[in-house]
Protein backbone atom coordinates (compact mmCIF):
# COMPACT_ATOMS: atom_id res chain seq x y z
CA MET A 1 208.16 125.49 138.86
CA THR A 2 206.19 127.18 136.07
CA ASP A 3 207.47 130.01 133.94
CA THR A 4 204.77 132.41 135.15
CA ASP A 5 206.18 135.87 135.76
CA PRO A 6 206.32 136.47 139.56
CA ASP A 7 204.71 139.90 139.22
CA GLN A 8 201.84 138.39 137.25
CA ALA A 9 201.53 135.66 139.88
CA LEU A 10 201.28 138.28 142.62
CA ALA A 11 198.59 140.13 140.69
CA ARG A 12 196.56 136.91 140.40
CA LEU A 13 196.90 136.27 144.14
CA ARG A 14 195.72 139.80 145.02
CA ARG A 15 192.27 138.96 143.61
CA PHE A 16 191.63 136.66 146.58
CA ALA A 17 193.48 138.53 149.32
CA SER A 18 192.04 140.80 151.96
CA GLU A 19 195.48 141.29 153.53
CA ILE A 20 199.05 140.17 152.77
CA VAL A 21 201.69 140.51 155.51
CA THR A 22 203.66 141.64 153.75
CA GLU A 23 202.99 141.99 150.03
CA THR A 24 206.53 143.24 149.44
CA GLU A 25 207.97 140.15 151.09
CA LEU A 26 205.67 137.83 149.12
CA GLY A 27 206.81 139.49 145.89
CA LYS A 28 210.46 138.95 146.86
CA ARG A 29 209.83 135.29 147.68
CA LEU A 30 208.03 134.68 144.41
CA HIS A 31 210.96 136.18 142.51
CA SER A 32 213.51 134.23 144.56
CA ALA A 33 211.61 130.97 144.05
CA ALA A 34 211.53 131.57 140.29
CA ASP A 35 215.24 132.40 140.13
CA GLU A 36 216.30 129.42 142.24
CA ARG A 37 213.68 127.03 140.81
CA GLN A 38 212.76 126.27 144.43
CA PRO A 39 209.00 126.16 145.18
CA LEU A 40 207.56 127.91 148.21
CA ARG A 41 205.96 125.82 150.95
CA VAL A 42 202.43 127.19 151.22
CA LYS A 43 200.49 126.10 154.30
CA PHE A 44 196.76 125.89 154.88
CA GLY A 45 195.24 124.21 157.92
CA ILE A 46 191.67 123.06 158.43
CA ASP A 47 190.14 121.38 161.47
CA PRO A 48 187.80 118.48 160.59
CA THR A 49 185.06 119.53 163.01
CA PHE A 50 182.15 118.63 160.70
CA THR A 51 181.63 116.23 157.80
CA ASP A 52 181.15 118.91 155.12
CA VAL A 53 183.59 121.29 153.51
CA HIS A 54 181.62 124.25 152.18
CA VAL A 55 182.34 126.86 149.54
CA GLY A 56 183.44 129.34 152.21
CA HIS A 57 186.17 126.91 153.33
CA ALA A 58 187.08 126.40 149.70
CA VAL A 59 188.07 130.04 149.08
CA PRO A 60 191.51 129.71 150.76
CA ILE A 61 191.82 126.22 149.25
CA ARG A 62 191.34 127.82 145.81
CA VAL A 63 194.25 130.15 146.64
CA LEU A 64 196.26 127.10 147.64
CA ARG A 65 195.42 125.57 144.25
CA LEU A 66 196.55 128.77 142.53
CA PHE A 67 199.92 128.52 144.29
CA GLN A 68 200.05 124.87 143.20
CA ASP A 69 199.35 125.79 139.58
CA LEU A 70 202.15 128.36 139.83
CA GLY A 71 204.54 125.54 140.73
CA HIS A 72 204.66 125.85 144.50
CA LEU A 73 204.05 123.11 147.08
CA PRO A 74 200.81 123.18 149.07
CA VAL A 75 201.15 121.90 152.63
CA LEU A 76 197.67 120.87 153.76
CA ILE A 77 197.38 120.36 157.51
CA LEU A 78 194.43 118.44 158.86
CA GLY A 79 194.08 119.70 162.41
CA ASP A 80 193.14 116.39 163.96
CA ALA A 81 194.72 117.50 167.27
CA THR A 82 193.34 121.05 167.32
CA ALA A 83 189.89 119.78 166.26
CA ARG A 84 189.66 117.79 169.48
CA LEU A 85 190.04 120.88 171.67
CA GLY A 86 186.46 121.95 171.06
CA ASP A 87 184.49 124.15 173.43
CA PRO A 88 183.88 122.34 176.73
CA THR A 89 180.93 124.61 177.58
CA GLY A 90 179.05 123.50 174.46
CA ARG A 91 178.14 127.13 173.71
CA ASN A 92 180.33 127.48 170.61
CA GLU A 93 178.55 125.45 167.95
CA GLN A 94 181.41 126.14 165.55
CA ARG A 95 183.79 124.17 167.80
CA PRO A 96 182.01 121.08 169.16
CA ALA A 97 183.99 118.74 171.39
CA LEU A 98 184.75 115.64 169.30
CA THR A 99 186.08 112.17 169.96
CA GLU A 100 189.15 110.85 168.20
CA GLU A 101 186.92 108.54 166.13
CA GLN A 102 184.70 111.43 165.01
CA VAL A 103 187.72 113.51 164.00
CA GLU A 104 189.18 110.60 162.01
CA HIS A 105 185.89 110.06 160.17
CA ASN A 106 185.62 113.76 159.33
CA ALA A 107 189.26 113.92 158.21
CA ALA A 108 188.66 111.17 155.66
CA THR A 109 185.66 112.98 154.19
CA TYR A 110 187.60 116.28 154.15
CA LEU A 111 190.36 114.80 152.01
CA GLU A 112 187.82 113.45 149.55
CA GLN A 113 186.12 116.84 149.26
CA ILE A 114 189.29 118.96 149.20
CA GLY A 115 190.51 116.71 146.41
CA LYS A 116 187.85 118.32 144.21
CA VAL A 117 189.77 121.59 144.45
CA LEU A 118 193.38 120.64 145.14
CA ASP A 119 195.59 118.01 143.50
CA LEU A 120 196.48 115.82 146.49
CA ALA A 121 198.81 113.48 144.56
CA PRO A 122 202.15 112.75 146.27
CA GLY A 123 204.76 115.20 145.08
CA ARG A 124 202.05 117.71 144.16
CA CYS A 125 200.86 118.26 147.72
CA GLU A 126 202.09 117.48 151.23
CA VAL A 127 199.30 116.33 153.55
CA ARG A 128 200.08 116.37 157.28
CA ARG A 129 198.14 115.87 160.51
CA ASN A 130 199.19 117.95 163.47
CA SER A 131 198.78 114.99 165.80
CA GLU A 132 202.16 113.96 164.33
CA TRP A 133 203.91 116.44 166.60
CA PHE A 134 201.36 117.16 169.32
CA THR A 135 200.64 113.55 170.39
CA PRO A 136 204.27 112.70 171.29
CA MET A 137 204.87 116.14 172.83
CA GLY A 138 203.52 115.17 176.28
CA PHE A 139 202.36 117.43 179.09
CA PHE A 140 205.68 119.09 179.90
CA GLY A 141 206.47 119.52 176.22
CA ALA A 142 203.13 121.29 175.83
CA LEU A 143 203.97 123.57 178.79
CA ARG A 144 207.31 124.43 177.18
CA LEU A 145 205.46 125.30 173.98
CA LEU A 146 203.01 127.53 175.84
CA SER A 147 205.92 129.31 177.53
CA ARG A 148 206.78 130.82 174.14
CA ALA A 149 203.67 133.07 174.30
CA THR A 150 202.28 135.48 176.87
CA ILE A 151 198.80 136.09 178.27
CA ALA A 152 199.10 139.75 177.26
CA ARG A 153 199.67 138.73 173.64
CA MET A 154 196.75 136.30 173.70
CA LEU A 155 194.41 138.96 175.04
CA GLU A 156 195.09 141.09 171.96
CA ARG A 157 192.87 138.71 170.01
CA ASP A 158 189.57 140.40 169.13
CA ASP A 159 187.42 137.46 170.17
CA PHE A 160 188.96 137.35 173.63
CA GLN A 161 188.61 141.12 174.08
CA LYS A 162 184.91 140.98 173.21
CA ARG A 163 184.29 138.15 175.65
CA ILE A 164 186.07 140.02 178.44
CA GLU A 165 183.86 143.04 177.77
CA GLN A 166 180.78 140.79 177.88
CA ARG A 167 182.09 139.00 180.99
CA LEU A 168 182.06 135.66 179.22
CA PRO A 169 184.53 132.93 180.21
CA ILE A 170 187.79 132.25 178.37
CA HIS A 171 189.22 128.80 179.00
CA LEU A 172 192.96 128.24 179.25
CA HIS A 173 192.97 125.67 176.45
CA GLU A 174 191.42 128.24 174.09
CA MET A 175 194.51 130.38 174.56
CA ALA A 176 196.58 127.37 173.54
CA TYR A 177 194.89 127.15 170.15
CA PRO A 178 196.74 130.06 168.42
CA VAL A 179 200.03 128.70 169.76
CA MET A 180 199.24 125.24 168.39
CA GLN A 181 198.34 126.65 164.98
CA GLY A 182 201.50 128.74 165.03
CA TRP A 183 203.60 125.71 165.93
CA ASP A 184 202.23 123.91 162.89
CA SER A 185 204.06 126.52 160.80
CA VAL A 186 207.30 125.78 162.62
CA GLU A 187 206.95 122.03 162.10
CA VAL A 188 206.35 122.28 158.34
CA ARG A 189 208.67 125.29 157.82
CA ALA A 190 205.98 127.27 156.01
CA ASP A 191 206.99 130.10 153.67
CA VAL A 192 203.40 131.31 153.28
CA GLU A 193 200.27 130.59 155.29
CA ILE A 194 196.74 131.11 153.96
CA GLY A 195 193.63 131.59 156.09
CA GLY A 196 190.36 133.47 156.36
CA ASN A 197 190.66 137.04 157.59
CA ASP A 198 189.36 135.93 161.00
CA GLN A 199 192.58 133.89 161.32
CA LEU A 200 195.08 136.75 161.03
CA PHE A 201 195.98 136.69 164.75
CA ASN A 202 196.78 132.97 164.55
CA LEU A 203 198.81 133.44 161.36
CA HIS A 204 200.85 136.13 163.10
CA MET A 205 201.52 133.66 165.91
CA GLY A 206 203.13 131.41 163.32
CA ARG A 207 205.44 134.24 162.31
CA LEU A 208 206.37 134.89 165.93
CA LEU A 209 207.16 131.25 166.74
CA GLN A 210 209.14 130.75 163.53
CA GLU A 211 211.32 133.75 164.35
CA ARG A 212 211.92 132.44 167.88
CA GLU A 213 212.96 129.08 166.41
CA GLY A 214 215.43 130.73 164.03
CA GLN A 215 213.27 130.24 160.92
CA ARG A 216 212.29 132.82 158.33
CA ALA A 217 208.88 134.24 159.30
CA GLN A 218 206.09 133.16 156.99
CA VAL A 219 204.08 135.54 154.82
CA CYS A 220 200.43 135.72 155.91
CA LEU A 221 197.76 135.87 153.21
CA THR A 222 194.17 136.19 154.39
CA THR A 223 191.04 135.84 152.28
CA PRO A 224 187.64 137.49 152.82
CA LEU A 225 184.95 135.44 154.51
CA LEU A 226 182.37 134.43 151.93
CA LEU A 227 178.89 135.23 153.20
CA GLY A 228 176.19 132.58 153.10
CA THR A 229 172.95 132.58 151.18
CA ASP A 230 171.25 134.64 153.93
CA GLY A 231 173.93 137.32 154.15
CA ARG A 232 175.51 136.01 157.36
CA LYS A 233 178.88 134.27 157.70
CA MET A 234 178.66 130.97 155.86
CA SER A 235 178.14 128.22 158.40
CA LYS A 236 176.61 124.77 158.60
CA THR A 237 175.13 125.89 161.92
CA TYR A 238 173.12 128.60 160.14
CA GLY A 239 172.18 126.28 157.28
CA ASN A 240 173.24 128.97 154.79
CA HIS A 241 176.16 127.10 153.26
CA VAL A 242 176.81 125.43 149.92
CA ALA A 243 178.63 122.16 150.62
CA LEU A 244 181.04 120.52 148.22
CA THR A 245 178.99 117.34 148.80
CA ASP A 246 175.73 118.96 147.67
CA ALA A 247 174.11 117.59 144.52
CA ALA A 248 174.30 119.90 141.49
CA GLU A 249 170.60 120.79 141.78
CA GLN A 250 171.12 121.77 145.43
CA VAL A 251 174.12 123.92 144.56
CA TYR A 252 172.22 125.66 141.78
CA GLY A 253 169.13 126.30 143.88
CA LYS A 254 171.09 127.59 146.87
CA VAL A 255 173.11 130.02 144.76
CA MET A 256 169.91 131.27 143.12
CA SER A 257 168.67 132.25 146.60
CA LEU A 258 171.72 134.45 147.17
CA SER A 259 171.09 138.17 147.63
CA ASP A 260 171.89 140.42 144.67
CA GLU A 261 174.39 142.34 146.83
CA GLY A 262 176.37 139.19 147.62
CA MET A 263 177.06 138.18 144.03
CA ALA A 264 180.14 140.32 143.42
CA ASP A 265 182.18 138.58 146.13
CA TRP A 266 180.99 135.16 144.96
CA PHE A 267 182.09 135.90 141.38
CA ARG A 268 185.48 137.12 142.60
CA LEU A 269 186.21 134.45 145.20
CA ALA A 270 184.42 131.33 143.96
CA THR A 271 184.78 131.50 140.16
CA ASP A 272 187.51 132.06 137.58
CA ILE A 273 185.49 134.62 135.62
CA GLY A 274 187.52 137.72 134.80
CA GLU A 275 186.75 141.03 136.48
CA GLU A 276 185.48 142.72 133.31
CA GLU A 277 183.14 139.87 132.43
CA ALA A 278 181.86 139.69 136.03
CA ALA A 279 181.24 143.44 136.04
CA ALA A 280 179.26 143.16 132.79
CA LEU A 281 177.15 140.34 134.22
CA LEU A 282 176.46 142.28 137.42
CA ALA A 283 175.45 145.34 135.40
CA GLY A 284 172.78 143.29 133.62
CA HIS A 285 169.70 141.51 134.95
CA PRO A 286 170.36 140.07 138.45
CA ARG A 287 168.57 136.79 137.67
CA GLU A 288 170.73 136.18 134.59
CA ALA A 289 173.89 137.01 136.56
CA LYS A 290 172.82 134.70 139.35
CA GLY A 291 172.06 131.93 136.86
CA ARG A 292 175.57 132.21 135.43
CA LEU A 293 177.04 132.21 138.93
CA ALA A 294 175.04 129.11 139.89
CA TRP A 295 176.13 127.36 136.69
CA GLU A 296 179.79 128.21 137.34
CA LEU A 297 179.60 126.82 140.89
CA CYS A 298 177.95 123.61 139.65
CA ARG A 299 180.56 123.19 136.93
CA TRP A 300 183.39 123.72 139.42
CA ILE A 301 182.03 121.35 142.11
CA HIS A 302 180.71 118.74 139.65
CA ASP A 303 181.16 119.15 135.88
CA GLN A 304 179.62 120.94 132.90
CA GLU A 305 177.07 118.20 132.21
CA ALA A 306 175.80 118.37 135.79
CA ALA A 307 175.69 122.18 135.62
CA ASP A 308 173.64 122.11 132.41
CA HIS A 309 171.22 119.58 133.92
CA ALA A 310 170.86 121.61 137.13
CA ALA A 311 170.10 124.78 135.15
CA ALA A 312 167.47 122.97 133.08
CA GLU A 313 165.87 121.47 136.20
CA PHE A 314 165.72 124.90 137.84
CA VAL A 315 163.87 126.32 134.83
CA ARG A 316 161.53 123.32 134.81
CA ARG A 317 160.66 123.56 138.51
CA PHE A 318 160.67 127.27 139.25
CA LYS A 319 159.93 129.03 135.97
CA LYS A 320 157.66 126.52 134.26
CA LYS A 321 156.35 125.17 137.61
CA GLU A 322 156.87 121.62 136.39
CA LEU A 323 157.91 118.67 138.54
CA PRO A 324 161.54 117.51 138.56
CA SER A 325 162.35 114.83 136.02
CA ASP A 326 164.08 112.56 138.53
CA ILE A 327 161.89 112.34 141.63
CA PRO A 328 163.27 109.53 143.84
CA ALA A 329 161.06 106.65 144.94
CA VAL A 330 161.05 105.92 148.68
CA GLU A 331 159.66 102.71 150.10
CA ILE A 332 158.25 102.41 153.63
CA ALA A 333 156.00 99.84 155.32
CA ALA A 334 152.36 99.92 154.22
CA GLY A 335 149.95 101.56 156.63
CA ASN A 336 148.33 104.81 157.77
CA TYR A 337 150.74 107.48 158.95
CA PRO A 338 150.31 110.86 160.61
CA LEU A 339 151.86 113.25 158.08
CA PRO A 340 154.81 114.27 160.34
CA ASN A 341 155.70 110.61 160.84
CA LEU A 342 155.44 109.94 157.11
CA LEU A 343 157.88 112.76 156.32
CA HIS A 344 160.33 111.52 158.93
CA GLN A 345 160.03 107.86 157.85
CA ALA A 346 160.58 108.85 154.21
CA GLY A 347 163.76 110.77 155.12
CA LEU A 348 162.35 114.11 154.01
CA CYS A 349 162.73 115.64 157.49
CA ASN A 350 165.25 115.01 160.22
CA SER A 351 162.57 114.78 162.91
CA THR A 352 158.80 114.86 163.39
CA SER A 353 159.15 118.23 165.14
CA GLU A 354 160.83 119.68 162.04
CA ALA A 355 158.05 118.12 159.96
CA ARG A 356 155.33 119.75 162.10
CA ARG A 357 157.01 123.13 161.77
CA LEU A 358 157.15 122.83 157.97
CA ILE A 359 153.54 121.64 157.75
CA LYS A 360 152.30 124.56 159.85
CA GLY A 361 154.29 126.93 157.66
CA GLY A 362 152.65 125.65 154.48
CA GLY A 363 155.82 124.03 153.21
CA VAL A 364 154.44 120.53 152.57
CA ARG A 365 152.40 119.30 149.58
CA LEU A 366 150.73 115.94 148.98
CA ASP A 367 150.05 115.19 145.32
CA GLY A 368 150.48 118.89 144.57
CA THR A 369 148.14 120.20 147.30
CA VAL A 370 149.36 122.15 150.31
CA VAL A 371 148.54 120.39 153.59
CA ALA A 372 148.61 122.51 156.76
CA ASP A 373 147.02 120.03 159.18
CA VAL A 374 149.66 118.26 161.30
CA ALA A 375 147.05 115.60 162.19
CA GLN A 376 146.51 114.66 158.52
CA GLN A 377 146.59 110.89 158.03
CA VAL A 378 148.22 109.50 154.91
CA GLU A 379 147.58 106.00 153.61
CA VAL A 380 150.48 104.16 152.04
CA GLY A 381 148.89 101.10 150.48
CA HIS A 382 149.54 98.66 147.68
CA GLY A 383 149.33 100.35 144.31
CA ASN A 384 149.23 103.74 146.02
CA ALA A 385 152.27 106.04 145.54
CA VAL A 386 152.04 109.43 147.25
CA LEU A 387 153.88 112.39 145.73
CA VAL A 388 155.37 114.36 148.63
CA GLN A 389 157.04 117.76 148.36
CA VAL A 390 158.84 119.44 151.27
CA GLY A 391 159.92 123.01 150.66
CA LYS A 392 161.08 123.87 147.16
CA ARG A 393 163.68 121.18 146.59
CA ARG A 394 162.75 117.94 148.38
CA PHE A 395 160.54 115.51 146.49
CA ALA A 396 159.72 111.82 146.86
CA ARG A 397 157.20 109.30 145.59
CA VAL A 398 156.40 107.33 148.74
CA ARG A 399 155.15 103.81 148.15
CA PRO A 400 154.81 100.61 150.20
CA ALA A 401 157.82 98.36 150.57
């Protein structure tokens, strides 16, 4: 435990919170933990449904790190069981149905990325997988677990209510998800659970199940959802996210495309800059404020050297209209290529259809000249390197292998 005053600790936590259920109880627990030198068990669960952890995910993880720095024990739950539930209809792109192998691969990458924010060393953090208790539970054990909740309670969830109004299906296993997340809290005996504000219903389920099992009900702390670069909820599906795996130049460029209105929440939730300093930055020129924000994100995700380099590259490419200093060389077989095929072969586009769309939109340059003809042929021959630019940030010098 640290010697931080519990009231000061609570004030620091308020910065990130949209709701605390209840703040009074959290204050009491912080004081009790300090008096007894007994850290709180602070739970955060994340389902490894994709390979990337983005900055939006990282907001509650930053709160978890704050609890850790205050001397409490983070309990990180990788939802390898809940991640496999998915959406059997395939309509919910946020919850794809995954195999056990896919979940395991994603879980390994999640730990690597979360380790950039949270100290995962043994004794500093408890890492659990909820397959520990759900796999041996069996079918009848699962039915006994579900008997602890009611359909009426499940239908209070906003998402379910909206789908009923729209006459969209709700599958039985979807109703099991809040119960499973709540049971995680019972298994790890959580004192506090952190989640985005869209998770409040599930966090309350943890309180309910803990009380029914004779445990002290956890405090729920929800964080605002950080909006993406286009003003919508940050999501890999929308392509508006900043991933913790992004290169520093990508992070910087993406943050610089953020709307002016979105900066205040980013300063508050994704940086350690004080409120007064952030307010002064926001009161000045938006581009300068955004540059500082982009630099702070780069420094946090990478380091100061990478942040400085990314800022210099941004000035070089977008203010001075110069080429990047580190354009990668890509080798492909010599020959004549239709431009869409060249872009795909060089790894600059995921598909030839994406390449055609970008070409038609004027987003492709060859040796500095915009090319809008999808039938353009490009020769890759010996001694002939072609400078290719896709969009604002993808560059390559394509040459024969």
